[in-house]
């Protein structure tokens, strides 16, 4: 709005300069035609009066223009104060808008206030739904976990049945971790996370144990290279979900070769020799429900999106590098320094 006011002042000064130039040209013209004697004091007085009247009218137009844009200026100033994460729409409530704000500016203030309220309601509804759905899903998952634990104590189970039971337990555990992750994402960013000290290697080995059976039928090797053993102070379930999604993708899209996992002091790298992605697919890899090709193995399309959002929530950037036909490397960078350093 300051730019608009500057433009108004510039237009006023330009008008004033034009008027002065016209008066000067008129005086010079009269002198040229009739000589200096023709410029009697009456003529000079008339020109001065005309010049004063013109300047007065121009000034009143300038002030009227300022008053006309003042209501919109007030609205824009209030909107400029909004925090993008938590917009304060109360300032545009009907009872808070000054009486001088009328006409189109009033309509805009009312529309922005209504839009802000709708957005707040939408965000609150989505957050409540995610929280409530996650809590409700915990009940059947708890039943599945207890039932599978009881079945696991049956010594009469065959090896095949125990393998299937282990898959059920792993899927239920992954589902519980996902529910925890969704609850974390549903929280406001101002709410502190429930953190604890944990060994990254333990979480990583646990997730590797869950995906190993999926690679046995493919003949794809899975290797872990431990170069450091960082200890982080963060929500361990978040890292569990991120690693689970990345390892699941590596297993799903790799039919020949290997999946190589490296644990370093400041990161975890998961590199596969799968189908890879081109630049266009890589640029959209974190979009929810995006799949580069319908011929690729089925999936919900939410894994990378959730992993990226979780990483952003905890300060762990997730980076992808990929070459079509050669494979993909996913890296989780730890912002926090482990306690051993």
C-alpha atoms as a PDB file:
ATOM      1  CA  UNK A   1       0.000   0.000   0.000  1.00  0.00           C
ATOM      2  CA  UNK A   2       2.939   2.327   0.510  1.00  0.00           C
ATOM      3  CA  UNK A   3       3.662   1.944  -3.196  1.00  0.00           C
ATOM      4  CA  UNK A   4       0.122   3.097  -4.007  1.00  0.00           C
ATOM      5  CA  UNK A   5       0.471   6.171  -1.804  1.00  0.00           C
ATOM      6  CA  UNK A   6       3.802   6.981  -3.428  1.00  0.00           C
ATOM      7  CA  UNK A   7       2.177   6.761  -6.832  1.00  0.00           C
ATOM      8  CA  UNK A   8      -0.583   9.128  -5.710  1.00  0.00           C
ATOM      9  CA  UNK A   9       1.981  11.668  -4.529  1.00  0.00           C
ATOM     10  CA  UNK A  10       3.891  11.350  -7.782  1.00  0.00           C
ATOM     11  CA  UNK A  11       0.715  11.957  -9.791  1.00  0.00           C
ATOM     12  CA  UNK A  12      -0.100  15.024  -7.664  1.00  0.00           C
ATOM     13  CA  UNK A  13       3.367  16.501  -8.161  1.00  0.00           C
ATOM     14  CA  UNK A  14       3.195  15.764 -11.880  1.00  0.00           C
ATOM     15  CA  UNK A  15      -0.153  17.537 -12.148  1.00  0.00           C
ATOM     16  CA  UNK A  16       1.231  20.511 -10.226  1.00  0.00           C
ATOM     17  CA  UNK A  17       4.261  20.689 -12.513  1.00  0.00           C
ATOM     18  CA  UNK A  18       2.061  20.532 -15.591  1.00  0.00           C
ATOM     19  CA  UNK A  19      -0.146  23.357 -14.291  1.00  0.00           C
ATOM     20  CA  UNK A  20       2.863  25.560 -13.524  1.00  0.00           C
ATOM     21  CA  UNK A  21       4.309  24.828 -16.950  1.00  0.00           C
ATOM     22  CA  UNK A  22       1.035  25.742 -18.646  1.00  0.00           C
ATOM     23  CA  UNK A  23       0.844  29.045 -16.732  1.00  0.00           C
ATOM     24  CA  UNK A  24       4.445  29.900 -17.589  1.00  0.00           C
ATOM     25  CA  UNK A  25       3.818  29.103 -21.249  1.00  0.00           C
ATOM     26  CA  UNK A  26       0.692  31.280 -21.244  1.00  0.00           C
ATOM     27  CA  UNK A  27       2.611  34.197 -19.742  1.00  0.00           C
ATOM     28  CA  UNK A  28       5.404  33.796 -22.255  1.00  0.00           C
ATOM     29  CA  UNK A  29       2.903  33.587 -25.081  1.00  0.00           C
ATOM     30  CA  UNK A  30       1.130  36.755 -24.061  1.00  0.00           C
ATOM     31  CA  UNK A  31       4.450  38.574 -23.791  1.00  0.00           C
ATOM     32  CA  UNK A  32       5.529  37.358 -27.193  1.00  0.00           C
ATOM     33  CA  UNK A  33       2.294  38.468 -28.844  1.00  0.00           C
ATOM     34  CA  UNK A  34       1.590  41.804 -27.155  1.00  0.00           C
ATOM     35  CA  UNK A  35       4.827  42.720 -25.476  1.00  0.00           C
ATOM     36  CA  UNK A  36       5.669  43.061 -21.825  1.00  0.00           C
ATOM     37  CA  UNK A  37       3.338  46.079 -21.484  1.00  0.00           C
ATOM     38  CA  UNK A  38       0.331  43.863 -22.052  1.00  0.00           C
ATOM     39  CA  UNK A  39       0.979  42.093 -18.748  1.00  0.00           C
ATOM     40  CA  UNK A  40      -0.908  44.496 -16.518  1.00  0.00           C
ATOM     41  CA  UNK A  41      -1.355  43.824 -12.868  1.00  0.00           C
ATOM     42  CA  UNK A  42      -4.909  42.631 -13.559  1.00  0.00           C
ATOM     43  CA  UNK A  43      -3.641  39.987 -15.932  1.00  0.00           C
ATOM     44  CA  UNK A  44      -1.011  38.890 -13.465  1.00  0.00           C
ATOM     45  CA  UNK A  45      -3.596  38.759 -10.675  1.00  0.00           C
ATOM     46  CA  UNK A  46      -5.917  36.662 -12.847  1.00  0.00           C
ATOM     47  CA  UNK A  47      -3.133  34.212 -13.638  1.00  0.00           C
ATOM     48  CA  UNK A  48      -2.162  33.958  -9.968  1.00  0.00           C
ATOM     49  CA  UNK A  49      -5.783  33.333  -9.000  1.00  0.00           C
ATOM     50  CA  UNK A  50      -6.142  30.720 -11.731  1.00  0.00           C
ATOM     51  CA  UNK A  51      -2.907  29.062 -10.658  1.00  0.00           C
ATOM     52  CA  UNK A  52      -3.987  29.038  -7.013  1.00  0.00           C
ATOM     53  CA  UNK A  53      -7.386  27.613  -7.878  1.00  0.00           C
ATOM     54  CA  UNK A  54      -5.825  24.891 -10.002  1.00  0.00           C
ATOM     55  CA  UNK A  55      -3.373  23.972  -7.267  1.00  0.00           C
ATOM     56  CA  UNK A  56      -6.188  23.918  -4.689  1.00  0.00           C
ATOM     57  CA  UNK A  57      -8.322  21.639  -6.837  1.00  0.00           C
ATOM     58  CA  UNK A  58      -5.381  19.344  -7.456  1.00  0.00           C
ATOM     59  CA  UNK A  59      -4.603  19.217  -3.710  1.00  0.00           C
ATOM     60  CA  UNK A  60      -8.225  18.423  -2.869  1.00  0.00           C
ATOM     61  CA  UNK A  61      -8.159  15.649  -5.476  1.00  0.00           C
ATOM     62  CA  UNK A  62      -5.003  14.291  -3.894  1.00  0.00           C
ATOM     63  CA  UNK A  63      -6.573  14.287  -0.421  1.00  0.00           C
ATOM     64  CA  UNK A  64      -9.777  12.724  -1.737  1.00  0.00           C
ATOM     65  CA  UNK A  65      -7.768   9.963  -3.385  1.00  0.00           C
ATOM     66  CA  UNK A  66      -5.915   9.318  -0.142  1.00  0.00           C
ATOM     67  CA  UNK A  67      -9.198   9.059   1.756  1.00  0.00           C
ATOM     68  CA  UNK A  68     -10.539   6.706  -0.902  1.00  0.00           C
ATOM     69  CA  UNK A  69      -7.639   4.273  -0.616  1.00  0.00           C
ATOM     70  CA  UNK A  70      -7.277   4.549   3.186  1.00  0.00           C
ATOM     71  CA  UNK A  71      -9.847   1.762   3.933  1.00  0.00           C
ATOM     72  CA  UNK A  72      -8.098  -0.638   1.575  1.00  0.00           C
ATOM     73  CA  UNK A  73      -4.789   0.434   3.073  1.00  0.00           C
ATOM     74  CA  UNK A  74      -6.054  -0.559   6.523  1.00  0.00           C
ATOM     75  CA  UNK A  75      -7.208  -3.971   5.281  1.00  0.00           C
ATOM     76  CA  UNK A  76      -3.878  -4.688   3.603  1.00  0.00           C
ATOM     77  CA  UNK A  77      -1.925  -3.661   6.689  1.00  0.00           C
ATOM     78  CA  UNK A  78      -3.933  -6.065   8.849  1.00  0.00           C
ATOM     79  CA  UNK A  79      -3.426  -8.907   6.386  1.00  0.00           C
ATOM     80  CA  UNK A  80       0.320  -8.144   6.192  1.00  0.00           C
ATOM     81  CA  UNK A  81       0.563  -8.736   9.962  1.00  0.00           C
ATOM     82  CA  UNK A  82      -0.790 -12.273   9.660  1.00  0.00           C
ATOM     83  CA  UNK A  83       1.464 -15.161  10.545  1.00  0.00           C
ATOM     84  CA  UNK A  84       1.163 -17.647   7.633  1.00  0.00           C
ATOM     85  CA  UNK A  85       1.126 -20.517  10.136  1.00  0.00           C
ATOM     86  CA  UNK A  86      -1.442 -18.918  12.469  1.00  0.00           C
ATOM     87  CA  UNK A  87      -3.343 -16.084  10.706  1.00  0.00           C
ATOM     88  CA  UNK A  88      -5.143 -13.784  13.146  1.00  0.00           C
ATOM     89  CA  UNK A  89      -8.490 -13.235  11.441  1.00  0.00           C
ATOM     90  CA  UNK A  90     -10.070 -11.649  14.536  1.00  0.00           C
ATOM     91  CA  UNK A  91      -8.803  -8.218  13.439  1.00  0.00           C
ATOM     92  CA  UNK A  92     -11.102  -8.437  10.403  1.00  0.00           C
ATOM     93  CA  UNK A  93     -14.157  -9.472  12.398  1.00  0.00           C
ATOM     94  CA  UNK A  94     -17.191  -7.190  11.783  1.00  0.00           C
ATOM     95  CA  UNK A  95     -16.920  -5.718  15.263  1.00  0.00           C
ATOM     96  CA  UNK A  96     -13.210  -4.936  14.902  1.00  0.00           C
ATOM     97  CA  UNK A  97     -13.299  -3.167  11.534  1.00  0.00           C
ATOM     98  CA  UNK A  98     -13.272   0.676  11.890  1.00  0.00           C
ATOM     99  CA  UNK A  99     -16.372   2.539  10.788  1.00  0.00           C
ATOM    100  CA  UNK A 100     -14.386   4.396   8.118  1.00  0.00           C
ATOM    101  CA  UNK A 101     -13.836   1.119   6.274  1.00  0.00           C
ATOM    102  CA  UNK A 102     -16.861   0.922   4.016  1.00  0.00           C
ATOM    103  CA  UNK A 103     -17.769  -0.081   0.479  1.00  0.00           C
ATOM    104  CA  UNK A 104     -15.551  -2.509  -1.390  1.00  0.00           C
ATOM    105  CA  UNK A 105     -12.913  -2.465   1.359  1.00  0.00           C
ATOM    106  CA  UNK A 106     -15.537  -3.583   3.891  1.00  0.00           C
ATOM    107  CA  UNK A 107     -16.650  -6.379   1.577  1.00  0.00           C
ATOM    108  CA  UNK A 108     -13.057  -7.524   1.156  1.00  0.00           C
ATOM    109  CA  UNK A 109     -12.481  -7.470   4.934  1.00  0.00           C
ATOM    110  CA  UNK A 110     -15.617  -9.566   5.483  1.00  0.00           C
ATOM    111  CA  UNK A 111     -14.606 -12.003   2.740  1.00  0.00           C
ATOM    112  CA  UNK A 112     -11.083 -12.416   4.143  1.00  0.00           C
ATOM    113  CA  UNK A 113     -12.467 -12.923   7.646  1.00  0.00           C
ATOM    114  CA  UNK A 114     -14.882 -15.593   6.400  1.00  0.00           C
ATOM    115  CA  UNK A 115     -12.099 -17.282   4.412  1.00  0.00           C
ATOM    116  CA  UNK A 116      -9.803 -17.287   7.439  1.00  0.00           C
ATOM    117  CA  UNK A 117     -12.507 -18.850   9.604  1.00  0.00           C
ATOM    118  CA  UNK A 118     -13.161 -21.545   7.018  1.00  0.00           C
ATOM    119  CA  UNK A 119      -9.465 -22.367   6.796  1.00  0.00           C
ATOM    120  CA  UNK A 120      -9.156 -22.566  10.590  1.00  0.00           C
ATOM    121  CA  UNK A 121     -12.201 -24.842  10.734  1.00  0.00           C
ATOM    122  CA  UNK A 122     -10.840 -27.019   7.944  1.00  0.00           C
ATOM    123  CA  UNK A 123      -7.413 -27.396   9.547  1.00  0.00           C
ATOM    124  CA  UNK A 124      -8.949 -28.159  12.940  1.00  0.00           C
ATOM    125  CA  UNK A 125     -11.310 -30.732  11.419  1.00  0.00           C
ATOM    126  CA  UNK A 126      -8.515 -32.470   9.543  1.00  0.00           C
ATOM    127  CA  UNK A 127      -6.306 -32.514  12.638  1.00  0.00           C
ATOM    128  CA  UNK A 128      -9.133 -33.863  14.815  1.00  0.00           C
ATOM    129  CA  UNK A 129     -10.001 -36.518  12.252  1.00  0.00           C
ATOM    130  CA  UNK A 130      -6.401 -37.741  12.007  1.00  0.00           C
ATOM    131  CA  UNK A 131      -6.068 -37.826  15.789  1.00  0.00           C
ATOM    132  CA  UNK A 132      -9.405 -39.582  16.369  1.00  0.00           C
ATOM    133  CA  UNK A 133      -8.893 -42.081  13.544  1.00  0.00           C
ATOM    134  CA  UNK A 134      -5.425 -42.926  14.812  1.00  0.00           C
ATOM    135  CA  UNK A 135      -6.733 -43.489  18.328  1.00  0.00           C
ATOM    136  CA  UNK A 136      -9.615 -45.636  17.095  1.00  0.00           C
ATOM    137  CA  UNK A 137      -7.308 -47.802  14.998  1.00  0.00           C
ATOM    138  CA  UNK A 138      -5.121 -48.472  18.000  1.00  0.00           C
ATOM    139  CA  UNK A 139      -7.834 -50.658  19.570  1.00  0.00           C
ATOM    140  CA  UNK A 140      -8.031 -53.341  16.827  1.00  0.00           C
ATOM    141  CA  UNK A 141      -4.256 -53.236  16.455  1.00  0.00           C
ATOM    142  CA  UNK A 142      -3.879 -53.926  20.146  1.00  0.00           C
ATOM    143  CA  UNK A 143      -6.265 -56.887  19.792  1.00  0.00           C
ATOM    144  CA  UNK A 144      -4.214 -58.217  16.857  1.00  0.00           C
ATOM    145  CA  UNK A 145      -0.967 -57.853  18.788  1.00  0.00           C
ATOM    146  CA  UNK A 146      -2.298 -59.637  21.892  1.00  0.00           C
ATOM    147  CA  UNK A 147      -3.889 -62.414  19.820  1.00  0.00           C
ATOM    148  CA  UNK A 148      -0.737 -63.038  17.798  1.00  0.00           C
ATOM    149  CA  UNK A 149       1.353 -63.112  20.972  1.00  0.00           C
ATOM    150  CA  UNK A 150      -0.944 -65.774  22.390  1.00  0.00           C
ATOM    151  CA  UNK A 151      -0.818 -67.784  19.173  1.00  0.00           C
ATOM    152  CA  UNK A 152       2.968 -67.531  19.179  1.00  0.00           C
ATOM    153  CA  UNK A 153       3.095 -69.496  22.444  1.00  0.00           C
ATOM    154  CA  UNK A 154       1.463 -72.479  20.719  1.00  0.00           C
ATOM    155  CA  UNK A 155       4.245 -75.033  20.348  1.00  0.00           C
ATOM    156  CA  UNK A 156       2.264 -76.965  17.755  1.00  0.00           C
ATOM    157  CA  UNK A 157       2.620 -74.320  15.057  1.00  0.00           C
ATOM    158  CA  UNK A 158       4.439 -75.357  11.906  1.00  0.00           C
ATOM    159  CA  UNK A 159       7.409 -73.421  10.556  1.00  0.00           C
ATOM    160  CA  UNK A 160       5.254 -72.036   7.758  1.00  0.00           C
ATOM    161  CA  UNK A 161       2.590 -70.894  10.210  1.00  0.00           C
ATOM    162  CA  UNK A 162       5.168 -69.191  12.408  1.00  0.00           C
ATOM    163  CA  UNK A 163       6.541 -67.387   9.372  1.00  0.00           C
ATOM    164  CA  UNK A 164       3.058 -66.129   8.495  1.00  0.00           C
ATOM    165  CA  UNK A 165       2.484 -65.173  12.119  1.00  0.00           C
ATOM    166  CA  UNK A 166       5.716 -63.173  12.107  1.00  0.00           C
ATOM    167  CA  UNK A 167       4.514 -61.294   9.035  1.00  0.00           C
ATOM    168  CA  UNK A 168       1.228 -60.467  10.752  1.00  0.00           C
ATOM    169  CA  UNK A 169       3.067 -59.214  13.817  1.00  0.00           C
ATOM    170  CA  UNK A 170       5.411 -57.140  11.673  1.00  0.00           C
ATOM    171  CA  UNK A 171       2.506 -55.600   9.743  1.00  0.00           C
ATOM    172  CA  UNK A 172       0.675 -54.779  12.976  1.00  0.00           C
ATOM    173  CA  UNK A 173       3.795 -53.193  14.408  1.00  0.00           C
ATOM    174  CA  UNK A 174       4.270 -51.126  11.253  1.00  0.00           C
ATOM    175  CA  UNK A 175       0.656 -50.035  11.486  1.00  0.00           C
ATOM    176  CA  UNK A 176       1.126 -48.935  15.092  1.00  0.00           C
ATOM    177  CA  UNK A 177       4.199 -46.940  14.104  1.00  0.00           C
ATOM    178  CA  UNK A 178       2.251 -45.328  11.274  1.00  0.00           C
ATOM    179  CA  UNK A 179      -0.531 -44.365  13.670  1.00  0.00           C
ATOM    180  CA  UNK A 180       2.009 -42.766  15.963  1.00  0.00           C
ATOM    181  CA  UNK A 181       3.456 -40.874  13.007  1.00  0.00           C
ATOM    182  CA  UNK A 182       0.037 -39.623  11.933  1.00  0.00           C
ATOM    183  CA  UNK A 183      -0.672 -38.477  15.473  1.00  0.00           C
ATOM    184  CA  UNK A 184       2.609 -36.592  15.467  1.00  0.00           C
ATOM    185  CA  UNK A 185       1.788 -34.909  12.147  1.00  0.00           C
ATOM    186  CA  UNK A 186      -1.679 -34.014  13.427  1.00  0.00           C
ATOM    187  CA  UNK A 187      -0.198 -32.067  16.329  1.00  0.00           C
ATOM    188  CA  UNK A 188       0.485 -28.399  16.118  1.00  0.00           C
ATOM    189  CA  UNK A 189       4.139 -27.623  15.432  1.00  0.00           C
ATOM    190  CA  UNK A 190       4.280 -25.600  18.644  1.00  0.00           C
ATOM    191  CA  UNK A 191       3.558 -28.731  20.705  1.00  0.00           C
ATOM    192  CA  UNK A 192       6.859 -30.312  21.843  1.00  0.00           C
ATOM    193  CA  UNK A 193       7.626 -33.837  20.677  1.00  0.00           C
ATOM    194  CA  UNK A 194       7.802 -36.822  23.016  1.00  0.00           C
ATOM    195  CA  UNK A 195      11.496 -37.575  22.726  1.00  0.00           C
ATOM    196  CA  UNK A 196      13.914 -40.045  24.253  1.00  0.00           C
ATOM    197  CA  UNK A 197      17.463 -41.283  23.721  1.00  0.00           C
ATOM    198  CA  UNK A 198      17.702 -44.224  21.338  1.00  0.00           C
ATOM    199  CA  UNK A 199      20.300 -46.102  19.332  1.00  0.00           C
ATOM    200  CA  UNK A 200      19.809 -45.599  15.595  1.00  0.00           C
ATOM    201  CA  UNK A 201      21.416 -48.955  14.845  1.00  0.00           C
ATOM    202  CA  UNK A 202      18.803 -50.842  16.893  1.00  0.00           C
ATOM    203  CA  UNK A 203      15.941 -49.191  15.020  1.00  0.00           C
ATOM    204  CA  UNK A 204      17.641 -49.792  11.683  1.00  0.00           C
ATOM    205  CA  UNK A 205      18.343 -53.475  12.355  1.00  0.00           C
ATOM    206  CA  UNK A 206      14.765 -53.961  13.520  1.00  0.00           C
ATOM    207  CA  UNK A 207      13.430 -52.586  10.227  1.00  0.00           C
ATOM    208  CA  UNK A 208      15.931 -54.602   8.211  1.00  0.00           C
ATOM    209  CA  UNK A 209      14.749 -57.767   9.950  1.00  0.00           C
ATOM    210  CA  UNK A 210      11.206 -57.040   8.792  1.00  0.00           C
ATOM    211  CA  UNK A 211      12.089 -56.658   5.094  1.00  0.00           C
ATOM    212  CA  UNK A 212      14.617 -59.496   4.757  1.00  0.00           C
ATOM    213  CA  UNK A 213      11.953 -62.160   4.047  1.00  0.00           C
ATOM    214  CA  UNK A 214      10.612 -60.029   1.181  1.00  0.00           C
ATOM    215  CA  UNK A 215      13.986 -60.154  -0.578  1.00  0.00           C
ATOM    216  CA  UNK A 216      14.622 -63.865  -0.174  1.00  0.00           C
ATOM    217  CA  UNK A 217      12.166 -64.823  -2.924  1.00  0.00           C
ATOM    218  CA  UNK A 218      13.729 -62.270  -5.282  1.00  0.00           C
ATOM    219  CA  UNK A 219      17.322 -63.281  -4.743  1.00  0.00           C
ATOM    220  CA  UNK A 220      18.268 -59.676  -3.959  1.00  0.00           C
ATOM    221  CA  UNK A 221      20.988 -59.260  -1.338  1.00  0.00           C
ATOM    222  CA  UNK A 222      20.610 -56.929   1.646  1.00  0.00           C
ATOM    223  CA  UNK A 223      23.771 -55.540   3.247  1.00  0.00           C
ATOM    224  CA  UNK A 224      24.304 -53.286   6.251  1.00  0.00           C
ATOM    225  CA  UNK A 225      27.464 -51.208   6.539  1.00  0.00           C
ATOM    226  CA  UNK A 226      27.829 -49.721  10.038  1.00  0.00           C
ATOM    227  CA  UNK A 227      30.453 -46.969  10.090  1.00  0.00           C
ATOM    228  CA  UNK A 228      29.155 -45.254  13.238  1.00  0.00           C
ATOM    229  CA  UNK A 229      26.554 -45.803  15.934  1.00  0.00           C
ATOM    230  CA  UNK A 230      24.823 -42.481  16.576  1.00  0.00           C
ATOM    231  CA  UNK A 231      22.499 -41.981  19.532  1.00  0.00           C
ATOM    232  CA  UNK A 232      19.706 -39.481  18.947  1.00  0.00           C
ATOM    233  CA  UNK A 233      17.318 -37.673  21.270  1.00  0.00           C
ATOM    234  CA  UNK A 234      14.090 -37.735  19.287  1.00  0.00           C
ATOM    235  CA  UNK A 235      10.901 -39.805  18.797  1.00  0.00           C
ATOM    236  CA  UNK A 236      12.197 -43.273  17.799  1.00  0.00           C
ATOM    237  CA  UNK A 237       8.897 -44.169  16.117  1.00  0.00           C
ATOM    238  CA  UNK A 238       9.404 -41.370  13.624  1.00  0.00           C
ATOM    239  CA  UNK A 239      12.703 -42.815  12.444  1.00  0.00           C
ATOM    240  CA  UNK A 240      11.140 -46.261  12.439  1.00  0.00           C
ATOM    241  CA  UNK A 241       8.378 -45.148  10.063  1.00  0.00           C
ATOM    242  CA  UNK A 242      10.803 -43.272   7.814  1.00  0.00           C
ATOM    243  CA  UNK A 243      13.182 -46.219   7.549  1.00  0.00           C
ATOM    244  CA  UNK A 244      10.309 -48.633   7.071  1.00  0.00           C
ATOM    245  CA  UNK A 245       8.937 -46.624   4.136  1.00  0.00           C
ATOM    246  CA  UNK A 246      12.325 -46.184   2.476  1.00  0.00           C
ATOM    247  CA  UNK A 247      13.279 -49.849   2.871  1.00  0.00           C
ATOM    248  CA  UNK A 248       9.860 -50.921   1.622  1.00  0.00           C
ATOM    249  CA  UNK A 249      10.316 -48.820  -1.515  1.00  0.00           C
ATOM    250  CA  UNK A 250      13.803 -50.198  -2.072  1.00  0.00           C
ATOM    251  CA  UNK A 251      12.513 -53.762  -1.772  1.00  0.00           C
ATOM    252  CA  UNK A 252       9.467 -53.135  -3.937  1.00  0.00           C
ATOM    253  CA  UNK A 253      11.338 -51.579  -6.851  1.00  0.00           C
ATOM    254  CA  UNK A 254      14.435 -53.807  -6.849  1.00  0.00           C
ATOM    255  CA  UNK A 255      14.242 -57.164  -8.639  1.00  0.00           C
ATOM    256  CA  UNK A 256      17.925 -57.726  -9.387  1.00  0.00           C
ATOM    257  CA  UNK A 257      21.078 -56.776  -7.550  1.00  0.00           C
ATOM    258  CA  UNK A 258      21.206 -55.511  -3.983  1.00  0.00           C
ATOM    259  CA  UNK A 259      19.941 -53.114  -1.344  1.00  0.00           C
ATOM    260  CA  UNK A 260      22.859 -51.525   0.510  1.00  0.00           C
ATOM    261  CA  UNK A 261      22.285 -49.679   3.795  1.00  0.00           C
ATOM    262  CA  UNK A 262      24.970 -47.466   5.341  1.00  0.00           C
ATOM    263  CA  UNK A 263      24.833 -46.024   8.839  1.00  0.00           C
ATOM    264  CA  UNK A 264      27.099 -43.011   9.359  1.00  0.00           C
ATOM    265  CA  UNK A 265      27.481 -40.525  12.170  1.00  0.00           C
ATOM    266  CA  UNK A 266      25.153 -37.953  10.611  1.00  0.00           C
ATOM    267  CA  UNK A 267      22.955 -39.967   8.272  1.00  0.00           C
ATOM    268  CA  UNK A 268      21.432 -43.204   7.064  1.00  0.00           C
ATOM    269  CA  UNK A 269      21.736 -44.070   3.375  1.00  0.00           C
ATOM    270  CA  UNK A 270      19.647 -46.685   1.582  1.00  0.00           C
ATOM    271  CA  UNK A 271      20.887 -47.450  -1.928  1.00  0.00           C
ATOM    272  CA  UNK A 272      19.320 -49.972  -4.282  1.00  0.00           C
ATOM    273  CA  UNK A 273      19.900 -51.237  -7.821  1.00  0.00           C
ATOM    274  CA  UNK A 274      16.249 -51.007  -8.788  1.00  0.00           C
ATOM    275  CA  UNK A 275      14.408 -49.337 -11.637  1.00  0.00           C
ATOM    276  CA  UNK A 276      15.312 -45.798 -10.541  1.00  0.00           C
ATOM    277  CA  UNK A 277      13.534 -42.585 -11.506  1.00  0.00           C
ATOM    278  CA  UNK A 278      14.023 -39.954 -14.174  1.00  0.00           C
ATOM    279  CA  UNK A 279      14.248 -36.240 -13.375  1.00  0.00           C
ATOM    280  CA  UNK A 280      10.506 -35.649 -13.819  1.00  0.00           C
ATOM    281  CA  UNK A 281       9.527 -38.479 -11.477  1.00  0.00           C
ATOM    282  CA  UNK A 282      12.201 -37.477  -8.950  1.00  0.00           C
ATOM    283  CA  UNK A 283      10.855 -33.912  -8.830  1.00  0.00           C
ATOM    284  CA  UNK A 284       7.394 -35.232  -7.886  1.00  0.00           C
ATOM    285  CA  UNK A 285       8.481 -38.154  -5.711  1.00  0.00           C
ATOM    286  CA  UNK A 286       7.297 -36.507  -2.468  1.00  0.00           C
ATOM    287  CA  UNK A 287       3.830 -35.632  -3.785  1.00  0.00           C
ATOM    288  CA  UNK A 288       1.041 -37.624  -2.073  1.00  0.00           C
ATOM    289  CA  UNK A 289      -0.408 -40.461  -4.190  1.00  0.00           C
ATOM    290  CA  UNK A 290       2.060 -39.823  -7.014  1.00  0.00           C
ATOM    291  CA  UNK A 291       3.220 -42.853  -8.992  1.00  0.00           C
ATOM    292  CA  UNK A 292       5.556 -42.474 -11.939  1.00  0.00           C
ATOM    293  CA  UNK A 293       3.984 -45.318 -13.938  1.00  0.00           C
ATOM    294  CA  UNK A 294       0.937 -47.551 -13.626  1.00  0.00           C
ATOM    295  CA  UNK A 295       3.132 -50.510 -14.617  1.00  0.00           C
ATOM    296  CA  UNK A 296       5.145 -50.142 -11.433  1.00  0.00           C
ATOM    297  CA  UNK A 297       4.303 -52.284  -8.394  1.00  0.00           C
ATOM    298  CA  UNK A 298       1.205 -51.162  -6.575  1.00  0.00           C
ATOM    299  CA  UNK A 299       1.427 -48.973  -3.533  1.00  0.00           C
ATOM    300  CA  UNK A 300      -0.542 -46.321  -1.706  1.00  0.00           C
ATOM    301  CA  UNK A 301       1.792 -43.578  -2.884  1.00  0.00           C
ATOM    302  CA  UNK A 302       2.011 -42.016   0.583  1.00  0.00           C
ATOM    303  CA  UNK A 303       5.262 -43.516   1.859  1.00  0.00           C
ATOM    304  CA  UNK A 304       7.699 -40.875   0.646  1.00  0.00           C
ATOM    305  CA  UNK A 305       5.269 -38.056   1.373  1.00  0.00           C
ATOM    306  CA  UNK A 306       4.816 -39.158   4.986  1.00  0.00           C
ATOM    307  CA  UNK A 307       8.546 -39.808   5.380  1.00  0.00           C
ATOM    308  CA  UNK A 308       9.401 -36.326   4.140  1.00  0.00           C
ATOM    309  CA  UNK A 309       6.839 -34.652   6.419  1.00  0.00           C
ATOM    310  CA  UNK A 310       8.081 -36.619   9.414  1.00  0.00           C
ATOM    311  CA  UNK A 311      11.658 -35.708   8.601  1.00  0.00           C
ATOM    312  CA  UNK A 312      10.714 -32.036   8.341  1.00  0.00           C
ATOM    313  CA  UNK A 313       8.892 -32.252  11.685  1.00  0.00           C
ATOM    314  CA  UNK A 314      12.000 -33.635  13.426  1.00  0.00           C
ATOM    315  CA  UNK A 315      14.598 -31.647  11.502  1.00  0.00           C
ATOM    316  CA  UNK A 316      15.838 -34.636   9.478  1.00  0.00           C
ATOM    317  CA  UNK A 317      15.969 -33.682   5.779  1.00  0.00           C
ATOM    318  CA  UNK A 318      15.213 -36.521   3.381  1.00  0.00           C
ATOM    319  CA  UNK A 319      17.185 -36.460   0.121  1.00  0.00           C
ATOM    320  CA  UNK A 320      16.711 -38.614  -2.975  1.00  0.00           C
ATOM    321  CA  UNK A 321      19.092 -39.256  -5.861  1.00  0.00           C
ATOM    322  CA  UNK A 322      18.175 -41.593  -8.694  1.00  0.00           C
ATOM    323  CA  UNK A 323      19.202 -42.728 -12.179  1.00  0.00           C
ATOM    324  CA  UNK A 324      16.728 -44.595 -14.409  1.00  0.00           C
ATOM    325  CA  UNK A 325      17.677 -48.250 -14.693  1.00  0.00           C
ATOM    326  CA  UNK A 326      20.487 -47.966 -12.148  1.00  0.00           C
ATOM    327  CA  UNK A 327      18.766 -47.427  -8.819  1.00  0.00           C
ATOM    328  CA  UNK A 328      17.959 -44.891  -6.117  1.00  0.00           C
ATOM    329  CA  UNK A 329      19.763 -43.576  -3.050  1.00  0.00           C
ATOM    330  CA  UNK A 330      17.710 -42.185  -0.161  1.00  0.00           C
ATOM    331  CA  UNK A 331      19.442 -40.330   2.693  1.00  0.00           C
ATOM    332  CA  UNK A 332      18.101 -39.239   6.077  1.00  0.00           C
ATOM    333  CA  UNK A 333      20.293 -36.479   7.484  1.00  0.00           C
ATOM    334  CA  UNK A 334      20.326 -36.097  11.249  1.00  0.00           C
ATOM    335  CA  UNK A 335      20.267 -32.472  12.373  1.00  0.00           C
ATOM    336  CA  UNK A 336      20.897 -33.408  16.003  1.00  0.00           C
ATOM    337  CA  UNK A 337      24.402 -34.453  17.004  1.00  0.00           C
ATOM    338  CA  UNK A 338      24.576 -37.661  18.968  1.00  0.00           C
ATOM    339  CA  UNK A 339      25.594 -37.532  22.601  1.00  0.00           C
ATOM    340  CA  UNK A 340      28.889 -39.326  22.074  1.00  0.00           C
ATOM    341  CA  UNK A 341      30.426 -36.385  20.239  1.00  0.00           C
END
